[in-house]
């Protein structure tokens, strides 16, 4: 018994590596991962809260539909998240400016999502939300499990980028030349598959590639993946419900 080496605490010894040939400290990587998921959880809660207010307070959606300034304000809400990403790119390491910009990005996008849900039945919203939660949790656990067994999903990057380009062109064609309910369902299904791939890809990057000071970008990437998956499934269920 006295010949056994002294056993340090788990924090000092080091947790089990997240993937084979891991050179960094597992504790530091786990701390980074937890921080990112805390931020995403707050973003999702804020999105749910803002969306619920927009859906439940009918004068808000009525204002955007019946008034001339409503459309202009809706366009501003749509482009604000993309505009916010520009300064966020330069200040993502500067606290608290990065959190302020992240808050603007999240609230404006949540408001736009709420307006989309305001004209959708509650059953469809619930179905899309439940399926999104199940898919996100399943893909997250799968990616961590696969990474621990040596699988790498970095190869998905070029394919997903090309798929998004095709999706954008498909959306433009659908906007100017509507092809009917079937094409909307096909678009929603393709988008859902693509963003499922992005969840795996970005989770793999979270485990292996993001540096510790890129927690804002990691959170934004996964948050957008989750939101886009929800909107894609919402499109499918809404087309099927009509």
C-alpha atoms as a PDB file:
ATOM      1  CA  UNK A   1       0.000   0.000   0.000  1.00  0.00           C
ATOM      2  CA  UNK A   2       2.811   2.419   0.881  1.00  0.00           C
ATOM      3  CA  UNK A   3       4.495   1.823  -2.476  1.00  0.00           C
ATOM      4  CA  UNK A   4       1.572   3.197  -4.446  1.00  0.00           C
ATOM      5  CA  UNK A   5       2.160   6.658  -5.983  1.00  0.00           C
ATOM      6  CA  UNK A   6       0.350   9.631  -4.511  1.00  0.00           C
ATOM      7  CA  UNK A   7      -2.964  10.222  -6.294  1.00  0.00           C
ATOM      8  CA  UNK A   8      -3.751  13.845  -7.015  1.00  0.00           C
ATOM      9  CA  UNK A   9      -7.215  15.260  -7.399  1.00  0.00           C
ATOM     10  CA  UNK A  10      -9.040  14.896 -10.696  1.00  0.00           C
ATOM     11  CA  UNK A  11      -8.369  18.505 -11.646  1.00  0.00           C
ATOM     12  CA  UNK A  12      -4.637  18.030 -11.302  1.00  0.00           C
ATOM     13  CA  UNK A  13      -4.422  14.569 -12.840  1.00  0.00           C
ATOM     14  CA  UNK A  14      -6.466  15.451 -15.900  1.00  0.00           C
ATOM     15  CA  UNK A  15      -9.739  14.126 -17.213  1.00  0.00           C
ATOM     16  CA  UNK A  16     -10.081  11.598 -19.979  1.00  0.00           C
ATOM     17  CA  UNK A  17      -9.125  13.112 -23.377  1.00  0.00           C
ATOM     18  CA  UNK A  18     -12.017  14.156 -25.584  1.00  0.00           C
ATOM     19  CA  UNK A  19     -10.387  12.588 -28.642  1.00  0.00           C
ATOM     20  CA  UNK A  20      -7.292  10.469 -29.417  1.00  0.00           C
ATOM     21  CA  UNK A  21      -3.931  12.260 -29.525  1.00  0.00           C
ATOM     22  CA  UNK A  22      -5.324  15.210 -27.585  1.00  0.00           C
ATOM     23  CA  UNK A  23      -2.406  17.472 -26.627  1.00  0.00           C
ATOM     24  CA  UNK A  24      -4.179  20.221 -24.692  1.00  0.00           C
ATOM     25  CA  UNK A  25      -5.563  20.007 -21.175  1.00  0.00           C
ATOM     26  CA  UNK A  26      -8.974  18.275 -21.096  1.00  0.00           C
ATOM     27  CA  UNK A  27     -10.015  20.458 -18.129  1.00  0.00           C
ATOM     28  CA  UNK A  28      -9.398  23.665 -20.073  1.00  0.00           C
ATOM     29  CA  UNK A  29     -11.255  22.339 -23.110  1.00  0.00           C
ATOM     30  CA  UNK A  30     -14.200  21.183 -20.982  1.00  0.00           C
ATOM     31  CA  UNK A  31     -14.294  24.575 -19.285  1.00  0.00           C
ATOM     32  CA  UNK A  32     -14.397  26.243 -22.696  1.00  0.00           C
ATOM     33  CA  UNK A  33     -17.164  23.898 -23.894  1.00  0.00           C
ATOM     34  CA  UNK A  34     -19.262  24.568 -20.791  1.00  0.00           C
ATOM     35  CA  UNK A  35     -18.859  28.321 -21.254  1.00  0.00           C
ATOM     36  CA  UNK A  36     -20.031  28.106 -24.865  1.00  0.00           C
ATOM     37  CA  UNK A  37     -23.065  26.028 -23.963  1.00  0.00           C
ATOM     38  CA  UNK A  38     -23.956  28.428 -21.129  1.00  0.00           C
ATOM     39  CA  UNK A  39     -23.971  31.279 -23.646  1.00  0.00           C
ATOM     40  CA  UNK A  40     -26.066  29.257 -26.105  1.00  0.00           C
ATOM     41  CA  UNK A  41     -28.541  28.364 -23.353  1.00  0.00           C
ATOM     42  CA  UNK A  42     -28.988  32.051 -22.486  1.00  0.00           C
ATOM     43  CA  UNK A  43     -29.416  32.891 -26.180  1.00  0.00           C
ATOM     44  CA  UNK A  44     -32.069  30.212 -26.605  1.00  0.00           C
ATOM     45  CA  UNK A  45     -33.919  31.300 -23.464  1.00  0.00           C
ATOM     46  CA  UNK A  46     -33.877  34.909 -24.679  1.00  0.00           C
ATOM     47  CA  UNK A  47     -35.122  33.772 -28.091  1.00  0.00           C
ATOM     48  CA  UNK A  48     -37.968  31.793 -26.530  1.00  0.00           C
ATOM     49  CA  UNK A  49     -38.924  34.715 -24.268  1.00  0.00           C
ATOM     50  CA  UNK A  50     -38.911  37.316 -27.049  1.00  0.00           C
ATOM     51  CA  UNK A  51     -40.674  34.956 -29.468  1.00  0.00           C
ATOM     52  CA  UNK A  52     -43.359  34.167 -26.888  1.00  0.00           C
ATOM     53  CA  UNK A  53     -44.036  37.875 -26.327  1.00  0.00           C
ATOM     54  CA  UNK A  54     -44.294  38.559 -30.054  1.00  0.00           C
ATOM     55  CA  UNK A  55     -46.634  35.601 -30.596  1.00  0.00           C
ATOM     56  CA  UNK A  56     -48.865  36.245 -27.576  1.00  0.00           C
ATOM     57  CA  UNK A  57     -49.134  40.050 -27.898  1.00  0.00           C
ATOM     58  CA  UNK A  58     -51.145  40.285 -31.116  1.00  0.00           C
ATOM     59  CA  UNK A  59     -50.833  44.090 -31.619  1.00  0.00           C
ATOM     60  CA  UNK A  60     -47.121  43.569 -32.311  1.00  0.00           C
ATOM     61  CA  UNK A  61     -47.678  41.270 -35.299  1.00  0.00           C
ATOM     62  CA  UNK A  62     -50.669  43.386 -36.393  1.00  0.00           C
ATOM     63  CA  UNK A  63     -48.451  46.473 -36.508  1.00  0.00           C
ATOM     64  CA  UNK A  64     -46.014  44.776 -38.881  1.00  0.00           C
ATOM     65  CA  UNK A  65     -48.816  43.605 -41.169  1.00  0.00           C
ATOM     66  CA  UNK A  66     -51.129  46.615 -41.298  1.00  0.00           C
ATOM     67  CA  UNK A  67     -48.806  49.623 -41.142  1.00  0.00           C
ATOM     68  CA  UNK A  68     -46.470  50.939 -43.810  1.00  0.00           C
ATOM     69  CA  UNK A  69     -43.589  51.283 -41.368  1.00  0.00           C
ATOM     70  CA  UNK A  70     -44.007  47.718 -40.201  1.00  0.00           C
ATOM     71  CA  UNK A  71     -42.437  46.235 -43.326  1.00  0.00           C
ATOM     72  CA  UNK A  72     -39.466  48.600 -43.118  1.00  0.00           C
ATOM     73  CA  UNK A  73     -38.959  47.743 -39.456  1.00  0.00           C
ATOM     74  CA  UNK A  74     -39.215  44.034 -40.252  1.00  0.00           C
ATOM     75  CA  UNK A  75     -36.489  44.392 -42.903  1.00  0.00           C
ATOM     76  CA  UNK A  76     -34.327  46.232 -40.368  1.00  0.00           C
ATOM     77  CA  UNK A  77     -34.835  43.421 -37.858  1.00  0.00           C
ATOM     78  CA  UNK A  78     -33.784  40.853 -40.460  1.00  0.00           C
ATOM     79  CA  UNK A  79     -30.582  42.634 -41.524  1.00  0.00           C
ATOM     80  CA  UNK A  80     -29.564  43.785 -38.014  1.00  0.00           C
ATOM     81  CA  UNK A  81     -28.100  40.383 -36.983  1.00  0.00           C
ATOM     82  CA  UNK A  82     -25.934  40.293 -40.102  1.00  0.00           C
ATOM     83  CA  UNK A  83     -24.801  43.888 -39.585  1.00  0.00           C
ATOM     84  CA  UNK A  84     -23.967  43.126 -35.952  1.00  0.00           C
ATOM     85  CA  UNK A  85     -21.679  40.288 -37.004  1.00  0.00           C
ATOM     86  CA  UNK A  86     -19.287  42.798 -38.625  1.00  0.00           C
ATOM     87  CA  UNK A  87     -18.268  44.668 -35.425  1.00  0.00           C
ATOM     88  CA  UNK A  88     -18.549  41.409 -33.497  1.00  0.00           C
ATOM     89  CA  UNK A  89     -15.796  40.029 -35.718  1.00  0.00           C
ATOM     90  CA  UNK A  90     -13.407  42.745 -34.456  1.00  0.00           C
ATOM     91  CA  UNK A  91     -14.557  42.949 -30.833  1.00  0.00           C
ATOM     92  CA  UNK A  92     -15.264  39.294 -30.025  1.00  0.00           C
ATOM     93  CA  UNK A  93     -12.384  39.336 -27.498  1.00  0.00           C
ATOM     94  CA  UNK A  94     -13.232  42.699 -25.922  1.00  0.00           C
ATOM     95  CA  UNK A  95     -15.428  42.401 -22.816  1.00  0.00           C
ATOM     96  CA  UNK A  96     -18.166  43.648 -22.346  1.00  0.00           C
ATOM     97  CA  UNK A  97     -18.564  44.941 -25.915  1.00  0.00           C
ATOM     98  CA  UNK A  98     -18.670  41.393 -27.266  1.00  0.00           C
ATOM     99  CA  UNK A  99     -21.572  40.458 -24.983  1.00  0.00           C
ATOM    100  CA  UNK A 100     -23.435  43.663 -25.842  1.00  0.00           C
ATOM    101  CA  UNK A 101     -23.133  42.961 -29.565  1.00  0.00           C
ATOM    102  CA  UNK A 102     -24.094  39.341 -28.982  1.00  0.00           C
ATOM    103  CA  UNK A 103     -27.201  40.522 -27.125  1.00  0.00           C
ATOM    104  CA  UNK A 104     -28.217  42.813 -29.987  1.00  0.00           C
ATOM    105  CA  UNK A 105     -27.637  39.990 -32.444  1.00  0.00           C
ATOM    106  CA  UNK A 106     -29.738  37.540 -30.410  1.00  0.00           C
ATOM    107  CA  UNK A 107     -32.661  39.850 -29.590  1.00  0.00           C
ATOM    108  CA  UNK A 108     -33.063  41.162 -33.147  1.00  0.00           C
ATOM    109  CA  UNK A 109     -32.957  37.646 -34.573  1.00  0.00           C
ATOM    110  CA  UNK A 110     -35.367  36.429 -31.874  1.00  0.00           C
ATOM    111  CA  UNK A 111     -37.800  39.191 -32.777  1.00  0.00           C
ATOM    112  CA  UNK A 112     -37.726  38.165 -36.443  1.00  0.00           C
ATOM    113  CA  UNK A 113     -38.257  34.522 -35.480  1.00  0.00           C
ATOM    114  CA  UNK A 114     -41.168  35.546 -33.261  1.00  0.00           C
ATOM    115  CA  UNK A 115     -42.828  37.353 -36.154  1.00  0.00           C
ATOM    116  CA  UNK A 116     -42.466  34.220 -38.262  1.00  0.00           C
ATOM    117  CA  UNK A 117     -44.062  32.124 -35.532  1.00  0.00           C
ATOM    118  CA  UNK A 118     -46.855  34.683 -35.024  1.00  0.00           C
ATOM    119  CA  UNK A 119     -48.435  33.579 -38.299  1.00  0.00           C
ATOM    120  CA  UNK A 120     -48.004  29.866 -37.596  1.00  0.00           C
ATOM    121  CA  UNK A 121     -50.292  27.576 -35.620  1.00  0.00           C
ATOM    122  CA  UNK A 122     -49.215  26.590 -32.112  1.00  0.00           C
ATOM    123  CA  UNK A 123     -49.271  22.893 -33.022  1.00  0.00           C
ATOM    124  CA  UNK A 124     -46.764  23.413 -35.829  1.00  0.00           C
ATOM    125  CA  UNK A 125     -44.473  25.502 -33.597  1.00  0.00           C
ATOM    126  CA  UNK A 126     -44.560  22.855 -30.870  1.00  0.00           C
ATOM    127  CA  UNK A 127     -43.830  20.028 -33.323  1.00  0.00           C
ATOM    128  CA  UNK A 128     -40.873  21.916 -34.823  1.00  0.00           C
ATOM    129  CA  UNK A 129     -39.521  22.853 -31.380  1.00  0.00           C
ATOM    130  CA  UNK A 130     -39.715  19.302 -30.015  1.00  0.00           C
ATOM    131  CA  UNK A 131     -38.085  17.768 -33.087  1.00  0.00           C
ATOM    132  CA  UNK A 132     -35.368  20.439 -33.047  1.00  0.00           C
ATOM    133  CA  UNK A 133     -34.561  19.709 -29.405  1.00  0.00           C
ATOM    134  CA  UNK A 134     -34.403  15.949 -30.016  1.00  0.00           C
ATOM    135  CA  UNK A 135     -32.205  16.307 -33.114  1.00  0.00           C
ATOM    136  CA  UNK A 136     -29.810  18.819 -31.507  1.00  0.00           C
ATOM    137  CA  UNK A 137     -29.303  16.723 -28.374  1.00  0.00           C
ATOM    138  CA  UNK A 138     -28.895  13.507 -30.381  1.00  0.00           C
ATOM    139  CA  UNK A 139     -26.362  14.994 -32.801  1.00  0.00           C
ATOM    140  CA  UNK A 140     -24.433  16.656 -29.976  1.00  0.00           C
ATOM    141  CA  UNK A 141     -24.086  13.432 -27.995  1.00  0.00           C
ATOM    142  CA  UNK A 142     -23.224  11.533 -31.168  1.00  0.00           C
ATOM    143  CA  UNK A 143     -20.470  14.000 -32.118  1.00  0.00           C
ATOM    144  CA  UNK A 144     -18.864  13.797 -28.665  1.00  0.00           C
ATOM    145  CA  UNK A 145     -19.108   9.990 -28.788  1.00  0.00           C
ATOM    146  CA  UNK A 146     -17.644   9.815 -32.298  1.00  0.00           C
ATOM    147  CA  UNK A 147     -14.854  12.290 -31.512  1.00  0.00           C
ATOM    148  CA  UNK A 148     -13.766  10.165 -28.546  1.00  0.00           C
ATOM    149  CA  UNK A 149     -13.439   7.232 -30.943  1.00  0.00           C
ATOM    150  CA  UNK A 150     -11.236   9.141 -33.342  1.00  0.00           C
ATOM    151  CA  UNK A 151     -13.723  10.301 -35.967  1.00  0.00           C
ATOM    152  CA  UNK A 152     -13.127  13.706 -37.509  1.00  0.00           C
ATOM    153  CA  UNK A 153     -15.867  15.706 -39.256  1.00  0.00           C
ATOM    154  CA  UNK A 154     -13.698  18.515 -40.602  1.00  0.00           C
ATOM    155  CA  UNK A 155     -14.142  17.117 -44.130  1.00  0.00           C
ATOM    156  CA  UNK A 156     -17.794  18.261 -44.042  1.00  0.00           C
ATOM    157  CA  UNK A 157     -16.818  21.934 -44.331  1.00  0.00           C
ATOM    158  CA  UNK A 158     -16.568  22.257 -48.163  1.00  0.00           C
ATOM    159  CA  UNK A 159     -19.645  20.093 -48.743  1.00  0.00           C
ATOM    160  CA  UNK A 160     -21.763  22.091 -46.301  1.00  0.00           C
ATOM    161  CA  UNK A 161     -20.626  25.383 -47.805  1.00  0.00           C
ATOM    162  CA  UNK A 162     -21.573  24.178 -51.279  1.00  0.00           C
ATOM    163  CA  UNK A 163     -24.902  22.899 -49.974  1.00  0.00           C
ATOM    164  CA  UNK A 164     -25.707  26.294 -48.449  1.00  0.00           C
ATOM    165  CA  UNK A 165     -24.954  27.972 -51.781  1.00  0.00           C
ATOM    166  CA  UNK A 166     -27.368  25.609 -53.517  1.00  0.00           C
ATOM    167  CA  UNK A 167     -29.933  26.290 -50.793  1.00  0.00           C
ATOM    168  CA  UNK A 168     -29.633  30.050 -51.282  1.00  0.00           C
ATOM    169  CA  UNK A 169     -30.101  29.743 -55.039  1.00  0.00           C
ATOM    170  CA  UNK A 170     -33.077  27.448 -54.439  1.00  0.00           C
ATOM    171  CA  UNK A 171     -34.584  30.087 -52.118  1.00  0.00           C
ATOM    172  CA  UNK A 172     -34.100  32.839 -54.714  1.00  0.00           C
ATOM    173  CA  UNK A 173     -35.774  30.723 -57.385  1.00  0.00           C
ATOM    174  CA  UNK A 174     -38.633  29.926 -55.018  1.00  0.00           C
ATOM    175  CA  UNK A 175     -38.991  33.638 -54.218  1.00  0.00           C
ATOM    176  CA  UNK A 176     -39.330  34.788 -57.818  1.00  0.00           C
ATOM    177  CA  UNK A 177     -40.832  31.638 -59.328  1.00  0.00           C
ATOM    178  CA  UNK A 178     -42.960  29.875 -56.677  1.00  0.00           C
ATOM    179  CA  UNK A 179     -43.165  26.171 -57.396  1.00  0.00           C
ATOM    180  CA  UNK A 180     -45.898  25.259 -54.921  1.00  0.00           C
ATOM    181  CA  UNK A 181     -46.202  23.509 -51.576  1.00  0.00           C
ATOM    182  CA  UNK A 182     -44.161  20.473 -52.607  1.00  0.00           C
ATOM    183  CA  UNK A 183     -41.132  22.595 -53.462  1.00  0.00           C
ATOM    184  CA  UNK A 184     -41.435  24.392 -50.109  1.00  0.00           C
ATOM    185  CA  UNK A 185     -41.382  21.048 -48.297  1.00  0.00           C
ATOM    186  CA  UNK A 186     -38.390  19.890 -50.348  1.00  0.00           C
ATOM    187  CA  UNK A 187     -36.586  23.135 -49.526  1.00  0.00           C
ATOM    188  CA  UNK A 188     -37.334  22.731 -45.815  1.00  0.00           C
ATOM    189  CA  UNK A 189     -36.172  19.101 -45.782  1.00  0.00           C
ATOM    190  CA  UNK A 190     -32.923  19.955 -47.591  1.00  0.00           C
ATOM    191  CA  UNK A 191     -32.276  22.868 -45.245  1.00  0.00           C
ATOM    192  CA  UNK A 192     -32.923  20.670 -42.195  1.00  0.00           C
ATOM    193  CA  UNK A 193     -30.443  18.045 -43.433  1.00  0.00           C
ATOM    194  CA  UNK A 194     -27.813  20.696 -44.166  1.00  0.00           C
ATOM    195  CA  UNK A 195     -28.082  22.313 -40.737  1.00  0.00           C
ATOM    196  CA  UNK A 196     -27.964  18.903 -39.079  1.00  0.00           C
ATOM    197  CA  UNK A 197     -24.608  18.550 -40.802  1.00  0.00           C
ATOM    198  CA  UNK A 198     -23.576  21.979 -39.533  1.00  0.00           C
ATOM    199  CA  UNK A 199     -24.439  21.016 -35.953  1.00  0.00           C
ATOM    200  CA  UNK A 200     -22.095  18.028 -36.212  1.00  0.00           C
ATOM    201  CA  UNK A 201     -19.406  20.099 -37.958  1.00  0.00           C
ATOM    202  CA  UNK A 202     -19.505  23.010 -35.499  1.00  0.00           C
ATOM    203  CA  UNK A 203     -19.689  20.709 -32.466  1.00  0.00           C
ATOM    204  CA  UNK A 204     -16.602  18.898 -33.759  1.00  0.00           C
ATOM    205  CA  UNK A 205     -14.863  22.270 -34.103  1.00  0.00           C
ATOM    206  CA  UNK A 206     -15.946  23.130 -30.567  1.00  0.00           C
ATOM    207  CA  UNK A 207     -14.281  19.977 -29.294  1.00  0.00           C
ATOM    208  CA  UNK A 208     -11.062  20.257 -31.283  1.00  0.00           C
ATOM    209  CA  UNK A 209     -10.409  23.509 -33.119  1.00  0.00           C
ATOM    210  CA  UNK A 210     -11.843  26.650 -31.551  1.00  0.00           C
ATOM    211  CA  UNK A 211      -9.319  28.515 -29.434  1.00  0.00           C
ATOM    212  CA  UNK A 212     -10.288  29.467 -25.893  1.00  0.00           C
ATOM    213  CA  UNK A 213     -10.877  33.133 -26.784  1.00  0.00           C
ATOM    214  CA  UNK A 214     -13.285  32.259 -29.614  1.00  0.00           C
ATOM    215  CA  UNK A 215     -16.196  31.371 -27.320  1.00  0.00           C
ATOM    216  CA  UNK A 216     -18.388  34.082 -28.867  1.00  0.00           C
ATOM    217  CA  UNK A 217     -17.936  32.744 -32.404  1.00  0.00           C
ATOM    218  CA  UNK A 218     -18.453  29.164 -31.258  1.00  0.00           C
ATOM    219  CA  UNK A 219     -21.715  30.159 -29.551  1.00  0.00           C
ATOM    220  CA  UNK A 220     -22.918  32.162 -32.557  1.00  0.00           C
ATOM    221  CA  UNK A 221     -22.197  29.286 -34.945  1.00  0.00           C
ATOM    222  CA  UNK A 222     -24.079  26.667 -32.936  1.00  0.00           C
ATOM    223  CA  UNK A 223     -26.916  29.068 -32.093  1.00  0.00           C
ATOM    224  CA  UNK A 224     -27.423  29.804 -35.798  1.00  0.00           C
ATOM    225  CA  UNK A 225     -27.357  26.090 -36.575  1.00  0.00           C
ATOM    226  CA  UNK A 226     -30.092  25.425 -34.009  1.00  0.00           C
ATOM    227  CA  UNK A 227     -32.231  28.381 -35.101  1.00  0.00           C
ATOM    228  CA  UNK A 228     -31.936  27.523 -38.787  1.00  0.00           C
ATOM    229  CA  UNK A 229     -32.810  23.895 -38.088  1.00  0.00           C
ATOM    230  CA  UNK A 230     -35.916  25.034 -36.211  1.00  0.00           C
ATOM    231  CA  UNK A 231     -36.958  27.372 -39.039  1.00  0.00           C
ATOM    232  CA  UNK A 232     -36.387  24.625 -41.616  1.00  0.00           C
ATOM    233  CA  UNK A 233     -38.557  22.169 -39.708  1.00  0.00           C
ATOM    234  CA  UNK A 234     -41.134  24.917 -39.183  1.00  0.00           C
ATOM    235  CA  UNK A 235     -41.262  25.400 -42.952  1.00  0.00           C
ATOM    236  CA  UNK A 236     -41.822  21.670 -43.517  1.00  0.00           C
ATOM    237  CA  UNK A 237     -44.542  21.312 -40.882  1.00  0.00           C
ATOM    238  CA  UNK A 238     -46.264  24.516 -41.950  1.00  0.00           C
ATOM    239  CA  UNK A 239     -46.387  23.411 -45.591  1.00  0.00           C
ATOM    240  CA  UNK A 240     -47.686  20.001 -44.572  1.00  0.00           C
ATOM    241  CA  UNK A 241     -50.330  21.573 -42.313  1.00  0.00           C
ATOM    242  CA  UNK A 242     -51.773  23.780 -45.052  1.00  0.00           C
END
